[in-house]
Structure formats: structure tokens, C-alpha cells
């Protein structure tokens, strides 16, 4: 197998170990990307693993493109095309788009970045006549973000006495209502934000699954 040529002993061990988890710890310039690339090719070429069963996450789109090109040179472009490879955001956006209809969204939904989310929060504050010096948009957005990442939907947030008491003690007792309106407005606009996972806001839900 020519793709294994040139690997040192440690790299070869990492590439050919395909039975169970394998953690590779290495410094800069030690060939980590090559090891990961050849390992994926090894799984496909030698072990017959279907590409759609392989998930490879990177920090940049550039790294994902380079790795996919290297893998394609070993296993063929058509085979490499089936890999789930990309950045965390791009791969999971792909998952969400494939399942969007189950959440009540169209597949071409919008993804709000931080500026988009804060602009919407500013608009909601203005509509509700709330002082943005007290309800600072970045702080409100941060509060909503923390709630989402703790799997707390808008209705659940408002039903949590401890959370509501904390907001009231800081003079921001309306954050729960802002969160609810933010979620509804995002849903009507067919938009998700970076903190979203899944859920459909309904007035009868005890917990609104995570969606914008």
C-alpha cells in the first residue's frame, strides 16, 4: 500500500490501528494532518469502510479541502466525495439542512451570526420599550446563548424560578420574555443561530427544543 510509505513507526501505528478509539498527541510539524489523512484512506481502502460513515472535523475550510484532496488522490475523487468532512459549523449545518423539514424549516434556512442575533435583540428591546443601557444587547445575547447551550428553551427558562429571580435581582426581569420573542422571530424568519440544536417553539411546549 503505497500510501503507507514514508510513515515512521509511531505514525504507522496510528494509521493502522482501526479497532476502537485512537488518540494521537503530537506537536506542530510532526505530521498530524498526514496521519489523519492516511488513516481515513486506510479505513476506506483497506478496511472497506463506506465514506459516509466517516466524520472528519477540522477547524478551517482550507484544512478540510486539503485533506479531502489528499484522500481523493489515494482512494479516488468519487469515493472521497462521500466523506463527511469540514469544519464543525459546516458539517453540522449540513446535518441540520438535511433534517430541516422535521423542525418546520426549509432546507435553505438562514444562519444568524453574532451580529445578526444582536441586531434582532436590539429591535426587540426597542419594540418592548426597554432601556438598552440596562438590557445591553451583548449581555442579553450572552444570557440566551448560555441557556441554549444548557438545553434550556424559552418556556423552560421562564418557568425556572431561580433563573427568573436572578434576572429580577439584576434589574432585567424581562430577559425570559425577550428570549421567547427572539425564538419566535427567528423561527418566523426561518433562521437559526450558532447556539441552536433543534426544536419548534409552541405555546404548549414545556421545553422549546433549541432552535433560534
N, C-alpha and C. Protein backbone atom coordinates (compact mmCIF):
# COMPACT_ATOMS: atom_id res chain seq x y z
N UNK A 1 0.84 -1.19 0.00
CA UNK A 1 0.00 0.00 0.00
C UNK A 1 0.87 1.24 0.00
N UNK A 2 0.94 1.89 -1.14
CA UNK A 2 1.88 3.00 -1.31
C UNK A 2 1.59 4.17 -0.39
N UNK A 3 0.32 4.31 0.05
CA UNK A 3 0.01 5.47 0.89
C UNK A 3 0.60 5.34 2.30
N UNK A 4 1.09 4.14 2.64
CA UNK A 4 1.71 3.94 3.96
C UNK A 4 3.21 4.19 3.93
N UNK A 5 3.74 4.33 2.73
CA UNK A 5 5.19 4.52 2.59
C UNK A 5 5.63 5.86 3.19
N UNK A 6 6.76 5.87 3.85
CA UNK A 6 7.31 7.10 4.41
C UNK A 6 6.83 7.42 5.81
N UNK A 7 5.89 6.64 6.35
CA UNK A 7 5.43 6.89 7.71
C UNK A 7 6.45 6.30 8.71
N UNK A 8 6.68 7.02 9.79
CA UNK A 8 7.57 6.46 10.81
C UNK A 8 6.78 5.46 11.66
N UNK A 9 7.43 4.85 12.61
CA UNK A 9 6.80 3.77 13.38
C UNK A 9 5.56 4.24 14.13
N UNK A 10 5.67 5.41 14.78
CA UNK A 10 4.53 5.93 15.55
C UNK A 10 3.37 6.31 14.63
N UNK A 11 3.70 6.93 13.49
CA UNK A 11 2.65 7.31 12.54
C UNK A 11 1.96 6.08 11.97
N UNK A 12 2.74 5.07 11.64
CA UNK A 12 2.18 3.84 11.09
C UNK A 12 1.24 3.17 12.09
N UNK A 13 1.63 3.19 13.36
CA UNK A 13 0.79 2.59 14.40
C UNK A 13 -0.55 3.32 14.50
N UNK A 14 -0.50 4.64 14.41
CA UNK A 14 -1.73 5.44 14.50
C UNK A 14 -2.63 5.20 13.29
N UNK A 15 -2.03 5.06 12.12
CA UNK A 15 -2.79 4.88 10.89
C UNK A 15 -3.44 3.51 10.80
N UNK A 16 -2.72 2.50 11.21
CA UNK A 16 -3.20 1.12 11.02
C UNK A 16 -4.03 0.59 12.19
N UNK A 17 -4.07 1.33 13.28
CA UNK A 17 -4.93 0.92 14.40
C UNK A 17 -6.37 1.32 14.07
N UNK A 18 -7.18 0.36 13.70
CA UNK A 18 -8.55 0.67 13.27
C UNK A 18 -9.61 -0.04 14.10
N UNK A 19 -9.20 -0.68 15.18
CA UNK A 19 -10.15 -1.38 16.04
C UNK A 19 -10.33 -0.60 17.34
N UNK A 20 -11.30 0.29 17.37
CA UNK A 20 -11.57 1.08 18.57
C UNK A 20 -10.93 2.45 18.53
N UNK A 21 -11.17 3.26 19.58
CA UNK A 21 -10.66 4.64 19.63
C UNK A 21 -9.14 4.70 19.59
N UNK A 22 -8.65 5.82 19.08
CA UNK A 22 -7.20 6.02 18.99
C UNK A 22 -6.91 7.51 19.12
N UNK A 23 -6.19 7.90 20.14
CA UNK A 23 -5.85 9.31 20.35
C UNK A 23 -4.42 9.57 19.90
N UNK A 24 -4.26 10.60 19.08
CA UNK A 24 -2.94 10.98 18.60
C UNK A 24 -2.56 12.32 19.22
N UNK A 25 -1.48 12.36 19.96
CA UNK A 25 -0.99 13.60 20.57
C UNK A 25 0.38 13.89 19.96
N UNK A 26 0.48 15.03 19.29
CA UNK A 26 1.74 15.36 18.62
C UNK A 26 1.89 16.87 18.51
N UNK A 27 3.12 17.31 18.39
CA UNK A 27 3.40 18.73 18.30
C UNK A 27 3.30 19.27 16.88
N UNK A 28 3.51 20.57 16.74
CA UNK A 28 3.45 21.22 15.43
C UNK A 28 4.51 20.65 14.50
N UNK A 29 4.15 20.43 13.24
CA UNK A 29 5.09 19.97 12.24
C UNK A 29 5.46 18.50 12.34
N UNK A 30 4.70 17.75 13.14
CA UNK A 30 5.03 16.33 13.33
C UNK A 30 4.28 15.40 12.38
N UNK A 31 3.46 15.97 11.52
CA UNK A 31 2.76 15.15 10.53
C UNK A 31 1.37 14.69 10.94
N UNK A 32 0.72 15.44 11.84
CA UNK A 32 -0.62 15.06 12.30
C UNK A 32 -1.62 15.00 11.15
N UNK A 33 -1.59 16.02 10.28
CA UNK A 33 -2.55 16.06 9.18
C UNK A 33 -2.35 14.87 8.25
N UNK A 34 -1.09 14.53 7.99
CA UNK A 34 -0.82 13.39 7.12
C UNK A 34 -1.34 12.10 7.75
N UNK A 35 -1.12 11.96 9.06
CA UNK A 35 -1.58 10.75 9.75
C UNK A 35 -3.10 10.63 9.66
N UNK A 36 -3.80 11.73 9.92
CA UNK A 36 -5.27 11.69 9.85
C UNK A 36 -5.75 11.39 8.43
N UNK A 37 -5.09 12.01 7.45
CA UNK A 37 -5.47 11.80 6.05
C UNK A 37 -5.27 10.34 5.64
N UNK A 38 -4.09 9.81 5.96
CA UNK A 38 -3.79 8.43 5.56
C UNK A 38 -4.65 7.44 6.36
N UNK A 39 -4.95 7.78 7.61
CA UNK A 39 -5.80 6.90 8.41
C UNK A 39 -7.18 6.77 7.78
N UNK A 40 -7.74 7.89 7.33
CA UNK A 40 -9.06 7.86 6.68
C UNK A 40 -8.99 7.04 5.39
N UNK A 41 -7.92 7.27 4.62
CA UNK A 41 -7.75 6.50 3.38
C UNK A 41 -7.59 5.01 3.69
N UNK A 42 -6.90 4.69 4.77
CA UNK A 42 -6.70 3.30 5.19
C UNK A 42 -8.04 2.65 5.55
N UNK A 43 -8.87 3.38 6.26
CA UNK A 43 -10.19 2.86 6.63
C UNK A 43 -11.02 2.53 5.38
N UNK A 44 -10.91 3.41 4.38
CA UNK A 44 -11.70 3.22 3.17
C UNK A 44 -11.10 2.15 2.25
N UNK A 45 -9.80 2.28 2.00
CA UNK A 45 -9.15 1.41 1.01
C UNK A 45 -8.88 0.01 1.52
N UNK A 46 -8.43 -0.09 2.78
CA UNK A 46 -8.03 -1.40 3.30
C UNK A 46 -9.12 -2.08 4.11
N UNK A 47 -9.96 -1.29 4.77
CA UNK A 47 -11.00 -1.87 5.63
C UNK A 47 -12.39 -1.85 5.00
N UNK A 48 -12.51 -1.17 3.87
CA UNK A 48 -13.80 -1.14 3.19
C UNK A 48 -14.88 -0.35 3.89
N UNK A 49 -14.48 0.63 4.70
CA UNK A 49 -15.47 1.46 5.39
C UNK A 49 -16.10 2.44 4.39
N UNK A 50 -17.42 2.50 4.37
CA UNK A 50 -18.10 3.44 3.48
C UNK A 50 -17.78 4.87 3.88
N UNK A 51 -17.50 5.74 2.92
CA UNK A 51 -17.10 7.12 3.25
C UNK A 51 -18.15 7.87 4.07
N UNK A 52 -19.45 7.59 3.82
CA UNK A 52 -20.49 8.32 4.55
C UNK A 52 -20.53 7.97 6.04
N UNK A 53 -19.78 6.92 6.42
CA UNK A 53 -19.71 6.54 7.83
C UNK A 53 -18.52 7.18 8.55
N UNK A 54 -17.78 7.99 7.83
CA UNK A 54 -16.60 8.65 8.41
C UNK A 54 -16.88 10.14 8.60
N UNK A 55 -16.69 10.61 9.81
CA UNK A 55 -16.87 12.02 10.13
C UNK A 55 -15.52 12.60 10.50
N UNK A 56 -15.07 13.61 9.75
CA UNK A 56 -13.77 14.25 10.00
C UNK A 56 -14.00 15.74 10.19
N UNK A 57 -13.71 16.25 11.38
CA UNK A 57 -13.95 17.66 11.70
C UNK A 57 -12.62 18.42 11.76
N UNK A 58 -12.60 19.59 11.16
CA UNK A 58 -11.41 20.43 11.14
C UNK A 58 -11.76 21.82 11.67
N UNK A 59 -10.75 22.64 11.86
CA UNK A 59 -11.00 23.99 12.35
C UNK A 59 -11.15 25.00 11.21
N UNK A 60 -10.68 24.67 10.03
CA UNK A 60 -10.79 25.60 8.90
C UNK A 60 -11.25 24.87 7.65
N UNK A 61 -11.93 25.59 6.78
CA UNK A 61 -12.36 25.02 5.50
C UNK A 61 -11.15 24.66 4.64
N UNK A 62 -10.09 25.47 4.75
CA UNK A 62 -8.87 25.21 3.97
C UNK A 62 -8.29 23.85 4.33
N UNK A 63 -8.23 23.54 5.63
CA UNK A 63 -7.69 22.26 6.07
C UNK A 63 -8.55 21.11 5.55
N UNK A 64 -9.86 21.30 5.59
CA UNK A 64 -10.77 20.25 5.11
C UNK A 64 -10.57 19.99 3.62
N UNK A 65 -10.44 21.08 2.85
CA UNK A 65 -10.24 20.93 1.39
C UNK A 65 -8.94 20.19 1.09
N UNK A 66 -7.87 20.59 1.79
CA UNK A 66 -6.57 19.97 1.56
C UNK A 66 -6.59 18.48 1.91
N UNK A 67 -7.21 18.15 3.03
CA UNK A 67 -7.28 16.75 3.44
C UNK A 67 -8.10 15.93 2.45
N UNK A 68 -9.20 16.51 1.98
CA UNK A 68 -10.06 15.78 1.06
C UNK A 68 -9.34 15.53 -0.27
N UNK A 69 -8.55 16.52 -0.70
CA UNK A 69 -7.78 16.36 -1.94
C UNK A 69 -6.75 15.24 -1.79
N UNK A 70 -6.08 15.20 -0.65
CA UNK A 70 -5.09 14.16 -0.41
C UNK A 70 -5.74 12.78 -0.38
N UNK A 71 -6.89 12.69 0.27
CA UNK A 71 -7.60 11.41 0.34
C UNK A 71 -8.07 10.99 -1.05
N UNK A 72 -8.55 11.97 -1.82
CA UNK A 72 -9.02 11.67 -3.18
C UNK A 72 -7.89 11.12 -4.05
N UNK A 73 -6.67 11.59 -3.79
CA UNK A 73 -5.54 11.11 -4.58
C UNK A 73 -5.21 9.65 -4.28
N UNK A 74 -5.70 9.16 -3.14
CA UNK A 74 -5.44 7.78 -2.74
C UNK A 74 -6.61 6.86 -3.11
N UNK A 75 -7.83 7.29 -2.77
CA UNK A 75 -8.98 6.40 -2.95
C UNK A 75 -9.84 6.75 -4.17
N UNK A 76 -9.56 7.92 -4.78
CA UNK A 76 -10.38 8.34 -5.91
C UNK A 76 -11.33 9.45 -5.52
N UNK A 77 -11.57 10.37 -6.44
CA UNK A 77 -12.40 11.55 -6.14
C UNK A 77 -13.84 11.18 -5.84
N UNK A 78 -14.40 10.21 -6.56
CA UNK A 78 -15.80 9.85 -6.34
C UNK A 78 -16.01 9.26 -4.95
N UNK A 79 -15.04 8.47 -4.47
CA UNK A 79 -15.14 7.90 -3.13
C UNK A 79 -14.98 8.98 -2.07
N UNK A 80 -14.03 9.86 -2.25
CA UNK A 80 -13.76 10.92 -1.27
C UNK A 80 -14.93 11.88 -1.16
N UNK A 81 -15.71 12.00 -2.24
CA UNK A 81 -16.83 12.95 -2.25
C UNK A 81 -17.87 12.60 -1.19
N UNK A 82 -17.93 11.32 -0.80
CA UNK A 82 -18.93 10.90 0.17
C UNK A 82 -18.55 11.14 1.62
N UNK A 83 -17.35 11.62 1.86
CA UNK A 83 -16.90 11.85 3.24
C UNK A 83 -17.66 13.00 3.89
N UNK A 84 -17.95 12.85 5.18
CA UNK A 84 -18.48 13.96 5.97
C UNK A 84 -17.27 14.68 6.57
N UNK A 85 -16.76 15.64 5.84
CA UNK A 85 -15.54 16.33 6.25
C UNK A 85 -15.72 17.84 6.13
N UNK A 86 -15.32 18.56 7.14
CA UNK A 86 -15.41 20.01 7.11
C UNK A 86 -15.24 20.58 8.51
N UNK A 87 -15.53 21.87 8.66
CA UNK A 87 -15.46 22.49 9.98
C UNK A 87 -16.65 22.05 10.81
N UNK A 88 -16.56 22.28 12.09
CA UNK A 88 -17.67 21.94 12.98
C UNK A 88 -18.97 22.60 12.48
N UNK A 89 -18.90 23.89 12.17
CA UNK A 89 -20.09 24.60 11.74
C UNK A 89 -20.62 24.09 10.41
N UNK A 90 -19.74 23.87 9.44
CA UNK A 90 -20.21 23.47 8.11
C UNK A 90 -20.82 22.07 8.12
N UNK A 91 -20.21 21.15 8.86
CA UNK A 91 -20.72 19.78 8.90
C UNK A 91 -22.07 19.73 9.60
N UNK A 92 -22.19 20.40 10.72
CA UNK A 92 -23.45 20.32 11.45
C UNK A 92 -24.55 21.17 10.81
N UNK A 93 -24.15 22.20 10.07
CA UNK A 93 -25.14 22.92 9.28
C UNK A 93 -25.69 22.00 8.19
N UNK A 94 -24.82 21.17 7.64
CA UNK A 94 -25.23 20.20 6.64
C UNK A 94 -26.22 19.19 7.22
N UNK A 95 -25.95 18.74 8.45
CA UNK A 95 -26.87 17.82 9.13
C UNK A 95 -28.23 18.50 9.35
N UNK A 96 -28.19 19.73 9.84
CA UNK A 96 -29.43 20.45 10.09
C UNK A 96 -30.24 20.67 8.81
N UNK A 97 -29.54 21.00 7.73
CA UNK A 97 -30.27 21.24 6.48
C UNK A 97 -30.92 19.96 5.96
N UNK A 98 -30.26 18.82 6.17
CA UNK A 98 -30.83 17.56 5.69
C UNK A 98 -32.06 17.16 6.50
N UNK A 99 -32.16 17.67 7.74
CA UNK A 99 -33.29 17.31 8.60
C UNK A 99 -34.19 18.51 8.88
N UNK A 100 -34.01 19.60 8.14
CA UNK A 100 -34.70 20.85 8.44
C UNK A 100 -36.22 20.72 8.45
N UNK A 101 -36.75 19.92 7.54
CA UNK A 101 -38.20 19.79 7.44
C UNK A 101 -38.82 19.21 8.71
N UNK A 102 -38.06 18.40 9.44
CA UNK A 102 -38.56 17.80 10.67
C UNK A 102 -38.67 18.84 11.78
N UNK A 103 -38.01 19.98 11.60
CA UNK A 103 -38.06 21.07 12.58
C UNK A 103 -38.99 22.18 12.12
N UNK A 104 -39.62 21.98 10.97
CA UNK A 104 -40.51 23.02 10.45
C UNK A 104 -39.81 24.07 9.63
N UNK A 105 -38.57 23.81 9.24
CA UNK A 105 -37.79 24.75 8.45
C UNK A 105 -37.67 24.27 7.00
N UNK A 106 -37.37 25.20 6.11
CA UNK A 106 -36.98 24.84 4.76
C UNK A 106 -35.48 24.57 4.78
N UNK A 107 -35.00 23.82 3.79
CA UNK A 107 -33.59 23.45 3.78
C UNK A 107 -32.66 24.65 3.56
N UNK A 108 -33.21 25.75 3.05
CA UNK A 108 -32.38 26.93 2.79
C UNK A 108 -32.48 27.96 3.92
N UNK A 109 -32.72 27.47 5.14
CA UNK A 109 -32.84 28.39 6.27
C UNK A 109 -31.57 29.23 6.42
N UNK A 110 -31.72 30.38 7.05
CA UNK A 110 -30.61 31.30 7.30
C UNK A 110 -29.94 30.95 8.63
N UNK A 111 -28.63 31.17 8.70
CA UNK A 111 -27.91 31.02 9.97
C UNK A 111 -27.43 32.40 10.41
N UNK A 112 -27.97 32.87 11.53
CA UNK A 112 -27.59 34.18 12.04
C UNK A 112 -26.22 34.11 12.73
N UNK A 113 -25.36 35.07 12.42
CA UNK A 113 -24.11 35.19 13.17
C UNK A 113 -24.36 36.07 14.39
N UNK A 114 -23.32 36.34 15.15
CA UNK A 114 -23.49 37.10 16.39
C UNK A 114 -24.07 38.48 16.13
N UNK A 115 -23.61 39.15 15.09
CA UNK A 115 -24.12 40.50 14.77
C UNK A 115 -25.60 40.45 14.42
N UNK A 116 -26.00 39.44 13.65
CA UNK A 116 -27.41 39.30 13.28
C UNK A 116 -28.27 39.11 14.53
N UNK A 117 -27.82 38.24 15.42
CA UNK A 117 -28.57 37.95 16.64
C UNK A 117 -28.71 39.19 17.51
N UNK A 118 -27.63 39.93 17.65
CA UNK A 118 -27.68 41.12 18.49
C UNK A 118 -28.52 42.22 17.87
N UNK A 119 -28.53 42.30 16.55
CA UNK A 119 -29.38 43.28 15.87
C UNK A 119 -30.85 42.97 16.12
N UNK A 120 -31.19 41.69 16.07
CA UNK A 120 -32.58 41.29 16.34
C UNK A 120 -32.94 41.61 17.79
N UNK A 121 -32.04 41.34 18.71
CA UNK A 121 -32.30 41.64 20.12
C UNK A 121 -32.48 43.14 20.31
N UNK A 122 -31.68 43.95 19.64
CA UNK A 122 -31.83 45.42 19.73
C UNK A 122 -33.22 45.83 19.26
N UNK A 123 -33.69 45.23 18.16
CA UNK A 123 -35.01 45.55 17.62
C UNK A 123 -36.11 45.17 18.61
N UNK A 124 -35.94 44.01 19.25
CA UNK A 124 -36.93 43.54 20.23
C UNK A 124 -36.95 44.48 21.44
N UNK A 125 -35.79 44.90 21.90
CA UNK A 125 -35.72 45.83 23.03
C UNK A 125 -36.43 47.14 22.71
N UNK A 126 -36.23 47.62 21.49
CA UNK A 126 -36.87 48.87 21.07
C UNK A 126 -38.39 48.70 21.03
N UNK A 127 -38.84 47.59 20.47
CA UNK A 127 -40.28 47.32 20.38
C UNK A 127 -40.92 47.23 21.76
N UNK A 128 -40.18 46.67 22.70
CA UNK A 128 -40.73 46.49 24.05
C UNK A 128 -40.50 47.71 24.94
N UNK A 129 -39.83 48.72 24.41
CA UNK A 129 -39.58 49.94 25.17
C UNK A 129 -38.63 49.74 26.34
N UNK A 130 -37.67 48.83 26.18
CA UNK A 130 -36.72 48.54 27.25
C UNK A 130 -35.42 49.30 27.05
N UNK A 131 -34.83 49.73 28.13
CA UNK A 131 -33.59 50.53 28.11
C UNK A 131 -32.40 49.63 27.75
N UNK A 132 -31.76 49.94 26.61
CA UNK A 132 -30.62 49.11 26.21
C UNK A 132 -29.36 49.39 27.03
N UNK A 133 -29.45 50.34 27.94
CA UNK A 133 -28.34 50.55 28.88
C UNK A 133 -28.43 49.53 30.01
N UNK A 134 -29.65 49.10 30.31
CA UNK A 134 -29.87 48.06 31.32
C UNK A 134 -29.84 46.69 30.67
N UNK A 135 -30.58 46.59 29.57
CA UNK A 135 -30.62 45.34 28.80
C UNK A 135 -29.61 45.46 27.65
N UNK A 136 -28.35 45.42 27.99
CA UNK A 136 -27.32 45.55 26.98
C UNK A 136 -27.40 44.35 26.02
N UNK A 137 -27.54 44.62 24.70
CA UNK A 137 -27.76 43.53 23.73
C UNK A 137 -26.74 42.40 23.82
N UNK A 138 -25.46 42.74 24.05
CA UNK A 138 -24.46 41.67 24.12
C UNK A 138 -24.66 40.81 25.36
N UNK A 139 -25.11 41.42 26.46
CA UNK A 139 -25.35 40.66 27.69
C UNK A 139 -26.61 39.81 27.58
N UNK A 140 -27.65 40.36 26.96
CA UNK A 140 -28.88 39.60 26.75
C UNK A 140 -28.60 38.41 25.82
N UNK A 141 -27.85 38.69 24.77
CA UNK A 141 -27.49 37.61 23.84
C UNK A 141 -26.67 36.54 24.57
N UNK A 142 -25.76 36.95 25.42
CA UNK A 142 -24.95 36.00 26.17
C UNK A 142 -25.80 35.15 27.10
N UNK A 143 -26.81 35.77 27.70
CA UNK A 143 -27.71 35.03 28.60
C UNK A 143 -28.51 33.98 27.81
N UNK A 144 -29.00 34.37 26.65
CA UNK A 144 -29.75 33.45 25.79
C UNK A 144 -28.84 32.32 25.32
N UNK A 145 -27.62 32.67 24.95
CA UNK A 145 -26.66 31.69 24.47
C UNK A 145 -26.36 30.64 25.55
N UNK A 146 -26.16 31.10 26.78
CA UNK A 146 -25.88 30.18 27.89
C UNK A 146 -27.07 29.24 28.10
N UNK A 147 -28.28 29.81 28.03
CA UNK A 147 -29.48 28.99 28.21
C UNK A 147 -29.55 27.91 27.14
N UNK A 148 -29.33 28.29 25.89
CA UNK A 148 -29.40 27.31 24.80
C UNK A 148 -28.36 26.21 24.98
N UNK A 149 -27.16 26.60 25.36
CA UNK A 149 -26.10 25.61 25.50
C UNK A 149 -26.28 24.73 26.72
N UNK A 150 -27.21 25.11 27.60
CA UNK A 150 -27.57 24.26 28.73
C UNK A 150 -28.91 23.58 28.47
N UNK A 151 -29.32 23.58 27.18
CA UNK A 151 -30.54 22.90 26.74
C UNK A 151 -31.79 23.43 27.45
N UNK A 152 -31.81 24.75 27.67
CA UNK A 152 -32.95 25.40 28.30
C UNK A 152 -33.67 26.24 27.25
N UNK A 153 -34.88 25.87 26.90
CA UNK A 153 -35.67 26.61 25.93
C UNK A 153 -36.34 27.81 26.57
N UNK A 154 -36.97 28.68 25.78
CA UNK A 154 -37.58 29.91 26.30
C UNK A 154 -38.65 29.67 27.37
N UNK A 155 -39.55 28.71 27.15
CA UNK A 155 -40.59 28.47 28.14
C UNK A 155 -40.03 27.86 29.41
N UNK A 156 -39.08 26.94 29.24
CA UNK A 156 -38.43 26.34 30.40
C UNK A 156 -37.70 27.42 31.20
N UNK A 157 -37.07 28.33 30.49
CA UNK A 157 -36.34 29.44 31.12
C UNK A 157 -37.30 30.23 32.01
N UNK A 158 -38.47 30.56 31.47
CA UNK A 158 -39.42 31.40 32.20
C UNK A 158 -40.11 30.66 33.35
N UNK A 159 -40.05 29.33 33.30
CA UNK A 159 -40.67 28.54 34.38
C UNK A 159 -39.67 28.16 35.47
N UNK A 160 -38.44 28.59 35.30
CA UNK A 160 -37.41 28.31 36.31
C UNK A 160 -37.36 29.49 37.29
N UNK A 161 -37.89 29.28 38.49
CA UNK A 161 -37.99 30.36 39.47
C UNK A 161 -36.63 30.94 39.84
N UNK A 162 -35.62 30.07 39.93
CA UNK A 162 -34.28 30.54 40.31
C UNK A 162 -33.69 31.43 39.22
N UNK A 163 -33.87 31.03 37.97
CA UNK A 163 -33.35 31.82 36.86
C UNK A 163 -34.05 33.17 36.79
N UNK A 164 -35.37 33.15 36.92
CA UNK A 164 -36.14 34.39 36.85
C UNK A 164 -35.79 35.31 38.02
N UNK A 165 -35.56 34.73 39.19
CA UNK A 165 -35.18 35.54 40.36
C UNK A 165 -33.83 36.19 40.14
N UNK A 166 -32.92 35.46 39.50
CA UNK A 166 -31.59 36.01 39.21
C UNK A 166 -31.70 37.19 38.27
N UNK A 167 -32.55 37.05 37.24
CA UNK A 167 -32.75 38.17 36.30
C UNK A 167 -33.37 39.37 37.01
N UNK A 168 -34.35 39.10 37.86
CA UNK A 168 -35.03 40.19 38.57
C UNK A 168 -34.07 40.93 39.49
N UNK A 169 -33.18 40.19 40.14
CA UNK A 169 -32.23 40.81 41.07
C UNK A 169 -31.23 41.72 40.35
N UNK A 170 -31.02 41.44 39.05
CA UNK A 170 -30.12 42.28 38.26
C UNK A 170 -30.87 43.39 37.53
N UNK A 171 -32.19 43.48 37.80
CA UNK A 171 -33.00 44.52 37.17
C UNK A 171 -33.36 44.22 35.73
N UNK A 172 -33.26 42.93 35.35
CA UNK A 172 -33.56 42.56 33.96
C UNK A 172 -34.57 41.40 33.95
N UNK A 173 -35.73 41.66 34.57
CA UNK A 173 -36.73 40.61 34.72
C UNK A 173 -37.42 40.22 33.41
N UNK A 174 -37.14 40.96 32.34
CA UNK A 174 -37.81 40.67 31.06
C UNK A 174 -36.98 39.80 30.12
N UNK A 175 -35.83 39.32 30.55
CA UNK A 175 -34.98 38.54 29.65
C UNK A 175 -35.70 37.29 29.16
N UNK A 176 -36.46 36.63 30.03
CA UNK A 176 -37.19 35.44 29.60
C UNK A 176 -38.15 35.74 28.48
N UNK A 177 -38.87 36.86 28.59
CA UNK A 177 -39.83 37.25 27.55
C UNK A 177 -39.09 37.64 26.26
N UNK A 178 -37.93 38.27 26.41
CA UNK A 178 -37.12 38.63 25.24
C UNK A 178 -36.66 37.36 24.54
N UNK A 179 -36.20 36.38 25.31
CA UNK A 179 -35.76 35.09 24.77
C UNK A 179 -36.90 34.44 23.99
N UNK A 180 -38.12 34.45 24.57
CA UNK A 180 -39.27 33.87 23.90
C UNK A 180 -39.54 34.56 22.56
N UNK A 181 -39.52 35.90 22.58
CA UNK A 181 -39.79 36.66 21.36
C UNK A 181 -38.67 36.46 20.33
N UNK A 182 -37.45 36.39 20.81
CA UNK A 182 -36.30 36.14 19.93
C UNK A 182 -36.47 34.80 19.21
N UNK A 183 -36.85 33.76 19.96
CA UNK A 183 -37.03 32.43 19.38
C UNK A 183 -38.15 32.44 18.34
N UNK A 184 -39.24 33.10 18.65
CA UNK A 184 -40.37 33.15 17.73
C UNK A 184 -40.03 33.92 16.46
N UNK A 185 -39.32 35.04 16.64
CA UNK A 185 -38.95 35.86 15.48
C UNK A 185 -37.98 35.13 14.56
N UNK A 186 -37.02 34.43 15.15
CA UNK A 186 -36.09 33.65 14.35
C UNK A 186 -36.82 32.57 13.57
N UNK A 187 -37.72 31.89 14.24
CA UNK A 187 -38.45 30.80 13.59
C UNK A 187 -39.29 31.33 12.43
N UNK A 188 -39.95 32.46 12.62
CA UNK A 188 -40.76 33.04 11.54
C UNK A 188 -39.90 33.46 10.36
N UNK A 189 -38.66 33.85 10.67
CA UNK A 189 -37.74 34.27 9.60
C UNK A 189 -36.99 33.09 9.00
N UNK A 190 -37.31 31.87 9.46
CA UNK A 190 -36.62 30.65 9.04
C UNK A 190 -35.11 30.80 9.25
N UNK A 191 -34.77 31.14 10.48
CA UNK A 191 -33.36 31.37 10.83
C UNK A 191 -32.99 30.61 12.09
N UNK A 192 -31.76 30.13 12.11
CA UNK A 192 -31.17 29.54 13.31
C UNK A 192 -29.93 30.36 13.66
N UNK A 193 -29.46 30.22 14.90
CA UNK A 193 -28.20 30.86 15.23
C UNK A 193 -27.17 29.79 15.60
N UNK A 194 -25.97 30.20 15.94
CA UNK A 194 -24.89 29.23 16.20
C UNK A 194 -25.14 28.37 17.43
N UNK A 195 -26.03 28.79 18.31
CA UNK A 195 -26.28 28.02 19.53
C UNK A 195 -27.41 27.02 19.37
N UNK A 196 -28.09 27.07 18.24
CA UNK A 196 -29.26 26.22 18.07
C UNK A 196 -28.91 24.77 17.83
N UNK A 197 -29.79 23.89 18.29
CA UNK A 197 -29.64 22.46 18.06
C UNK A 197 -30.89 21.94 17.37
N UNK A 198 -32.03 22.06 18.04
CA UNK A 198 -33.28 21.63 17.44
C UNK A 198 -34.42 22.07 18.32
N UNK A 199 -35.59 22.19 17.75
CA UNK A 199 -36.82 22.44 18.47
C UNK A 199 -37.76 23.36 17.75
N UNK A 200 -39.00 23.20 18.07
CA UNK A 200 -40.04 24.02 17.45
C UNK A 200 -40.78 24.76 18.55
N UNK A 201 -40.75 26.12 18.52
CA UNK A 201 -41.44 26.86 19.57
C UNK A 201 -42.95 26.75 19.45
N UNK A 202 -43.59 26.27 20.49
CA UNK A 202 -45.05 26.22 20.51
C UNK A 202 -45.51 26.68 21.87
N UNK A 203 -46.70 27.27 21.93
CA UNK A 203 -47.18 27.83 23.18
C UNK A 203 -47.44 26.76 24.23
N UNK A 204 -47.64 25.50 23.79
CA UNK A 204 -47.95 24.45 24.73
C UNK A 204 -46.75 23.64 25.18
N UNK A 205 -45.57 23.91 24.58
CA UNK A 205 -44.39 23.12 24.93
C UNK A 205 -43.85 23.49 26.30
N UNK A 206 -43.51 22.48 27.08
CA UNK A 206 -42.87 22.74 28.36
C UNK A 206 -41.43 23.17 28.13
N UNK A 207 -40.82 22.57 27.10
CA UNK A 207 -39.46 22.93 26.73
C UNK A 207 -39.44 23.16 25.24
N UNK A 208 -38.93 24.28 24.80
CA UNK A 208 -38.83 24.52 23.37
C UNK A 208 -37.50 24.02 22.91
N UNK A 209 -37.43 22.99 22.07
CA UNK A 209 -36.16 22.46 21.62
C UNK A 209 -35.39 23.57 20.95
N UNK A 210 -34.13 23.46 20.98
CA UNK A 210 -33.30 24.52 20.56
C UNK A 210 -33.27 24.90 19.14
N UNK A 211 -33.81 25.92 18.84
CA UNK A 211 -33.81 26.48 17.53
C UNK A 211 -33.69 27.93 17.77
N UNK A 212 -33.51 28.77 16.86
CA UNK A 212 -33.32 30.16 17.16
C UNK A 212 -34.54 30.75 17.80
